[in-house]
Amino acid sequence: MAAPLSVQVEFGGGAELLFDGVKKHQVTLPGQEEPWDIRNLLVWIKKNLLKERPELFIRGDSVRPGILVLINDADWELLGELDYQLQDQDSILFISTLHGG
């Protein structure tokens, strides 16, 4: 069984508006049978942090196009995207690159 993890989840570029305007969240993810990965984290975020308009943040089981994801300041595409296994004290940053005009 995977132990609980403490991670920092941060939103920027306007994405924080979907989370009551709160940019930084220090969260403890509960222990579970399988290791935590980004896919599981997105489900947890949708259930526990997302306050409005999930379609602007989630598409299917991933983030919608236009949201940049950084894990410990590295592009998630270099780390396995949804399959990246979270480590205790990881920092995950979601930045919206979509802006109105």
N, C-alpha and C. Protein backbone atom coordinates (compact mmCIF):
# COMPACT_ATOMS: atom_id res chain seq x y z
N MET A 1 0.84 -1.19 0.00
CA MET A 1 0.00 0.00 0.00
C MET A 1 0.88 1.24 0.00
N ALA A 2 0.52 2.21 -0.84
CA ALA A 2 1.28 3.46 -0.93
C ALA A 2 0.97 4.33 0.28
N ALA A 3 2.00 4.91 0.86
CA ALA A 3 1.84 5.79 2.02
C ALA A 3 1.24 7.12 1.59
N PRO A 4 0.64 7.86 2.54
CA PRO A 4 0.16 9.21 2.20
C PRO A 4 1.32 10.07 1.70
N LEU A 5 1.01 10.99 0.79
CA LEU A 5 2.02 11.90 0.24
C LEU A 5 1.63 13.34 0.51
N SER A 6 2.61 14.17 0.79
CA SER A 6 2.39 15.60 0.91
C SER A 6 2.98 16.26 -0.33
N VAL A 7 2.13 16.95 -1.10
CA VAL A 7 2.58 17.61 -2.32
C VAL A 7 2.03 19.03 -2.37
N GLN A 8 2.72 19.88 -3.11
CA GLN A 8 2.22 21.23 -3.35
C GLN A 8 1.62 21.27 -4.74
N VAL A 9 0.37 21.72 -4.81
CA VAL A 9 -0.32 21.88 -6.09
C VAL A 9 -0.56 23.37 -6.27
N GLU A 10 -0.13 23.89 -7.42
CA GLU A 10 -0.22 25.33 -7.68
C GLU A 10 -0.87 25.58 -9.03
N PHE A 11 -1.64 26.65 -9.11
CA PHE A 11 -2.34 27.02 -10.33
C PHE A 11 -1.97 28.45 -10.71
N GLY A 12 -1.78 28.71 -12.00
CA GLY A 12 -1.43 30.06 -12.45
C GLY A 12 -1.97 30.35 -13.83
N GLY A 13 -1.71 31.56 -14.31
CA GLY A 13 -2.14 31.97 -15.63
C GLY A 13 -3.64 32.10 -15.78
N GLY A 14 -4.34 32.23 -14.67
CA GLY A 14 -5.80 32.32 -14.68
C GLY A 14 -6.46 31.04 -14.24
N ALA A 15 -5.75 29.91 -14.24
CA ALA A 15 -6.34 28.63 -13.81
C ALA A 15 -6.78 28.70 -12.35
N GLU A 16 -6.12 29.55 -11.56
CA GLU A 16 -6.48 29.65 -10.14
C GLU A 16 -7.91 30.14 -9.93
N LEU A 17 -8.47 30.81 -10.94
CA LEU A 17 -9.85 31.31 -10.82
C LEU A 17 -10.85 30.16 -10.70
N LEU A 18 -10.49 28.99 -11.19
CA LEU A 18 -11.36 27.81 -11.08
C LEU A 18 -11.29 27.18 -9.69
N PHE A 19 -10.34 27.68 -8.88
CA PHE A 19 -10.09 27.12 -7.54
C PHE A 19 -10.25 28.21 -6.48
N ASP A 20 -11.31 29.00 -6.61
CA ASP A 20 -11.61 30.11 -5.68
C ASP A 20 -10.48 31.13 -5.61
N GLY A 21 -9.68 31.26 -6.66
CA GLY A 21 -8.62 32.25 -6.70
C GLY A 21 -7.40 31.89 -5.86
N VAL A 22 -7.37 30.67 -5.30
CA VAL A 22 -6.25 30.24 -4.47
C VAL A 22 -5.19 29.60 -5.37
N LYS A 23 -3.98 30.17 -5.35
CA LYS A 23 -2.93 29.69 -6.23
C LYS A 23 -2.21 28.47 -5.69
N LYS A 24 -1.85 28.48 -4.39
CA LYS A 24 -1.05 27.39 -3.81
C LYS A 24 -1.87 26.58 -2.83
N HIS A 25 -1.77 25.26 -2.97
CA HIS A 25 -2.45 24.33 -2.07
C HIS A 25 -1.42 23.31 -1.60
N GLN A 26 -1.21 23.21 -0.30
CA GLN A 26 -0.38 22.15 0.25
C GLN A 26 -1.34 21.03 0.63
N VAL A 27 -1.25 19.89 -0.03
CA VAL A 27 -2.23 18.84 0.18
C VAL A 27 -1.55 17.54 0.61
N THR A 28 -2.29 16.76 1.40
CA THR A 28 -1.85 15.43 1.77
C THR A 28 -2.78 14.44 1.08
N LEU A 29 -2.20 13.65 0.22
CA LEU A 29 -2.96 12.64 -0.51
C LEU A 29 -2.99 11.37 0.34
N PRO A 30 -4.17 10.78 0.54
CA PRO A 30 -4.27 9.61 1.42
C PRO A 30 -3.56 8.40 0.86
N GLY A 31 -3.18 7.49 1.75
CA GLY A 31 -2.60 6.23 1.31
C GLY A 31 -3.61 5.45 0.49
N GLN A 32 -3.15 4.72 -0.50
CA GLN A 32 -4.04 3.92 -1.34
C GLN A 32 -3.27 2.71 -1.84
N GLU A 33 -4.00 1.77 -2.44
CA GLU A 33 -3.40 0.51 -2.90
C GLU A 33 -2.29 0.73 -3.92
N GLU A 34 -2.56 1.55 -4.93
CA GLU A 34 -1.57 1.76 -5.98
C GLU A 34 -0.86 3.10 -5.75
N PRO A 35 0.36 3.25 -6.28
CA PRO A 35 1.07 4.52 -6.11
C PRO A 35 0.31 5.68 -6.75
N TRP A 36 0.46 6.86 -6.18
CA TRP A 36 -0.17 8.06 -6.75
C TRP A 36 0.56 8.45 -8.02
N ASP A 37 -0.21 8.72 -9.07
CA ASP A 37 0.36 9.29 -10.29
C ASP A 37 -0.46 10.52 -10.67
N ILE A 38 -0.05 11.20 -11.71
CA ILE A 38 -0.74 12.43 -12.11
C ILE A 38 -2.20 12.14 -12.48
N ARG A 39 -2.45 11.01 -13.10
CA ARG A 39 -3.83 10.63 -13.46
C ARG A 39 -4.72 10.59 -12.21
N ASN A 40 -4.24 9.91 -11.14
CA ASN A 40 -4.99 9.85 -9.88
C ASN A 40 -5.10 11.23 -9.25
N LEU A 41 -4.03 12.02 -9.34
CA LEU A 41 -4.04 13.36 -8.76
C LEU A 41 -5.11 14.23 -9.41
N LEU A 42 -5.26 14.14 -10.73
CA LEU A 42 -6.28 14.95 -11.41
C LEU A 42 -7.69 14.58 -10.94
N VAL A 43 -7.95 13.31 -10.71
CA VAL A 43 -9.25 12.89 -10.17
C VAL A 43 -9.44 13.49 -8.78
N TRP A 44 -8.39 13.43 -7.95
CA TRP A 44 -8.46 13.98 -6.59
C TRP A 44 -8.69 15.49 -6.63
N ILE A 45 -7.98 16.19 -7.51
CA ILE A 45 -8.14 17.64 -7.64
C ILE A 45 -9.58 17.98 -8.04
N LYS A 46 -10.12 17.23 -9.00
CA LYS A 46 -11.49 17.50 -9.46
C LYS A 46 -12.49 17.33 -8.32
N LYS A 47 -12.29 16.31 -7.48
CA LYS A 47 -13.22 16.04 -6.37
C LYS A 47 -13.03 16.99 -5.19
N ASN A 48 -11.79 17.43 -4.94
CA ASN A 48 -11.48 18.12 -3.69
C ASN A 48 -11.13 19.61 -3.80
N LEU A 49 -10.61 20.04 -4.94
CA LEU A 49 -10.16 21.44 -5.05
C LEU A 49 -10.93 22.26 -6.07
N LEU A 50 -11.30 21.66 -7.18
CA LEU A 50 -11.94 22.38 -8.28
C LEU A 50 -13.32 22.89 -7.86
N LYS A 51 -13.53 24.18 -8.00
CA LYS A 51 -14.77 24.79 -7.52
C LYS A 51 -15.78 25.06 -8.62
N GLU A 52 -15.32 25.28 -9.85
CA GLU A 52 -16.26 25.61 -10.92
C GLU A 52 -15.69 25.24 -12.28
N ARG A 53 -16.58 25.07 -13.24
CA ARG A 53 -16.27 24.87 -14.66
C ARG A 53 -15.17 23.84 -14.92
N PRO A 54 -15.39 22.59 -14.52
CA PRO A 54 -14.36 21.56 -14.72
C PRO A 54 -13.94 21.41 -16.17
N GLU A 55 -14.83 21.75 -17.12
CA GLU A 55 -14.48 21.61 -18.54
C GLU A 55 -13.35 22.55 -18.95
N LEU A 56 -13.07 23.57 -18.15
CA LEU A 56 -11.95 24.48 -18.45
C LEU A 56 -10.62 23.96 -17.92
N PHE A 57 -10.66 22.86 -17.15
CA PHE A 57 -9.43 22.33 -16.58
C PHE A 57 -9.19 20.87 -17.00
N ILE A 58 -10.25 20.07 -17.03
CA ILE A 58 -10.13 18.63 -17.30
C ILE A 58 -10.79 18.30 -18.64
N ARG A 59 -10.13 17.45 -19.41
CA ARG A 59 -10.74 16.88 -20.61
C ARG A 59 -10.41 15.39 -20.60
N GLY A 60 -11.44 14.55 -20.49
CA GLY A 60 -11.23 13.11 -20.36
C GLY A 60 -10.53 12.82 -19.04
N ASP A 61 -9.41 12.12 -19.09
CA ASP A 61 -8.67 11.83 -17.86
C ASP A 61 -7.39 12.67 -17.75
N SER A 62 -7.31 13.74 -18.54
CA SER A 62 -6.12 14.60 -18.53
C SER A 62 -6.54 16.07 -18.40
N VAL A 63 -5.55 16.94 -18.40
CA VAL A 63 -5.86 18.37 -18.43
C VAL A 63 -6.23 18.74 -19.87
N ARG A 64 -6.99 19.79 -20.01
CA ARG A 64 -7.39 20.18 -21.37
C ARG A 64 -6.20 20.82 -22.09
N PRO A 65 -6.19 20.79 -23.40
CA PRO A 65 -5.11 21.45 -24.14
C PRO A 65 -5.02 22.92 -23.74
N GLY A 66 -3.80 23.43 -23.66
CA GLY A 66 -3.60 24.82 -23.27
C GLY A 66 -3.22 24.97 -21.81
N ILE A 67 -3.16 23.86 -21.09
CA ILE A 67 -2.70 23.92 -19.70
C ILE A 67 -1.34 23.25 -19.64
N LEU A 68 -0.34 24.03 -19.26
CA LEU A 68 1.03 23.57 -19.12
C LEU A 68 1.18 22.96 -17.74
N VAL A 69 1.78 21.78 -17.66
CA VAL A 69 1.97 21.11 -16.37
C VAL A 69 3.47 20.99 -16.11
N LEU A 70 3.90 21.50 -14.97
CA LEU A 70 5.30 21.38 -14.55
C LEU A 70 5.35 20.57 -13.26
N ILE A 71 6.25 19.59 -13.23
CA ILE A 71 6.48 18.78 -12.04
C ILE A 71 7.89 19.10 -11.56
N ASN A 72 7.98 19.68 -10.38
CA ASN A 72 9.29 20.12 -9.85
C ASN A 72 10.03 20.96 -10.88
N ASP A 73 9.29 21.89 -11.50
CA ASP A 73 9.82 22.84 -12.49
C ASP A 73 10.25 22.21 -13.82
N ALA A 74 9.88 20.96 -14.07
CA ALA A 74 10.19 20.31 -15.35
C ALA A 74 8.89 20.00 -16.09
N ASP A 75 8.91 20.14 -17.41
CA ASP A 75 7.74 19.86 -18.24
C ASP A 75 7.34 18.39 -18.05
N TRP A 76 6.06 18.16 -17.78
CA TRP A 76 5.60 16.80 -17.51
C TRP A 76 5.77 15.88 -18.71
N GLU A 77 5.87 16.44 -19.92
CA GLU A 77 6.08 15.61 -21.11
C GLU A 77 7.41 14.86 -21.04
N LEU A 78 8.37 15.41 -20.30
CA LEU A 78 9.67 14.77 -20.14
C LEU A 78 9.65 13.70 -19.05
N LEU A 79 8.58 13.68 -18.24
CA LEU A 79 8.53 12.82 -17.06
C LEU A 79 7.46 11.73 -17.14
N GLY A 80 6.80 11.60 -18.29
CA GLY A 80 5.81 10.54 -18.44
C GLY A 80 4.37 10.99 -18.35
N GLU A 81 4.15 12.31 -18.28
CA GLU A 81 2.80 12.89 -18.24
C GLU A 81 1.93 12.22 -17.19
N LEU A 82 0.79 11.64 -17.59
CA LEU A 82 -0.18 11.09 -16.63
C LEU A 82 0.39 9.94 -15.80
N ASP A 83 1.40 9.27 -16.31
CA ASP A 83 1.95 8.10 -15.62
C ASP A 83 3.04 8.43 -14.61
N TYR A 84 3.44 9.71 -14.52
CA TYR A 84 4.47 10.08 -13.55
C TYR A 84 4.01 9.72 -12.14
N GLN A 85 4.84 8.94 -11.41
CA GLN A 85 4.50 8.57 -10.04
C GLN A 85 4.96 9.66 -9.08
N LEU A 86 4.01 10.19 -8.34
CA LEU A 86 4.29 11.27 -7.41
C LEU A 86 5.20 10.81 -6.28
N GLN A 87 6.06 11.72 -5.85
CA GLN A 87 6.94 11.50 -4.72
C GLN A 87 6.57 12.49 -3.62
N ASP A 88 6.84 12.13 -2.38
CA ASP A 88 6.58 13.04 -1.28
C ASP A 88 7.32 14.36 -1.51
N GLN A 89 6.64 15.47 -1.28
CA GLN A 89 7.16 16.83 -1.41
C GLN A 89 7.30 17.30 -2.86
N ASP A 90 6.71 16.58 -3.82
CA ASP A 90 6.70 17.07 -5.21
C ASP A 90 5.91 18.37 -5.29
N SER A 91 6.24 19.17 -6.29
CA SER A 91 5.51 20.40 -6.59
C SER A 91 4.95 20.28 -8.00
N ILE A 92 3.63 20.41 -8.12
CA ILE A 92 2.97 20.30 -9.41
C ILE A 92 2.30 21.63 -9.73
N LEU A 93 2.68 22.22 -10.84
CA LEU A 93 2.19 23.54 -11.24
C LEU A 93 1.39 23.42 -12.53
N PHE A 94 0.17 23.94 -12.51
CA PHE A 94 -0.70 23.97 -13.69
C PHE A 94 -0.83 25.41 -14.13
N ILE A 95 -0.42 25.72 -15.36
CA ILE A 95 -0.48 27.09 -15.87
C ILE A 95 -1.36 27.12 -17.11
N SER A 96 -2.40 27.94 -17.07
CA SER A 96 -3.24 28.11 -18.25
C SER A 96 -2.54 29.04 -19.23
N THR A 97 -2.48 28.61 -20.48
CA THR A 97 -1.90 29.46 -21.52
C THR A 97 -3.01 30.06 -22.38
N LEU A 98 -4.27 29.82 -21.98
CA LEU A 98 -5.41 30.31 -22.74
C LEU A 98 -5.87 31.64 -22.13
N HIS A 99 -5.89 32.68 -22.92
CA HIS A 99 -6.28 34.00 -22.43
C HIS A 99 -7.27 34.62 -23.40
N GLY A 100 -8.23 35.33 -22.85
CA GLY A 100 -9.20 36.04 -23.70
C GLY A 100 -8.56 37.22 -24.39
N GLY A 101 -9.23 37.73 -25.36
CA GLY A 101 -8.64 38.85 -26.09
C GLY A 101 -9.61 39.98 -26.24
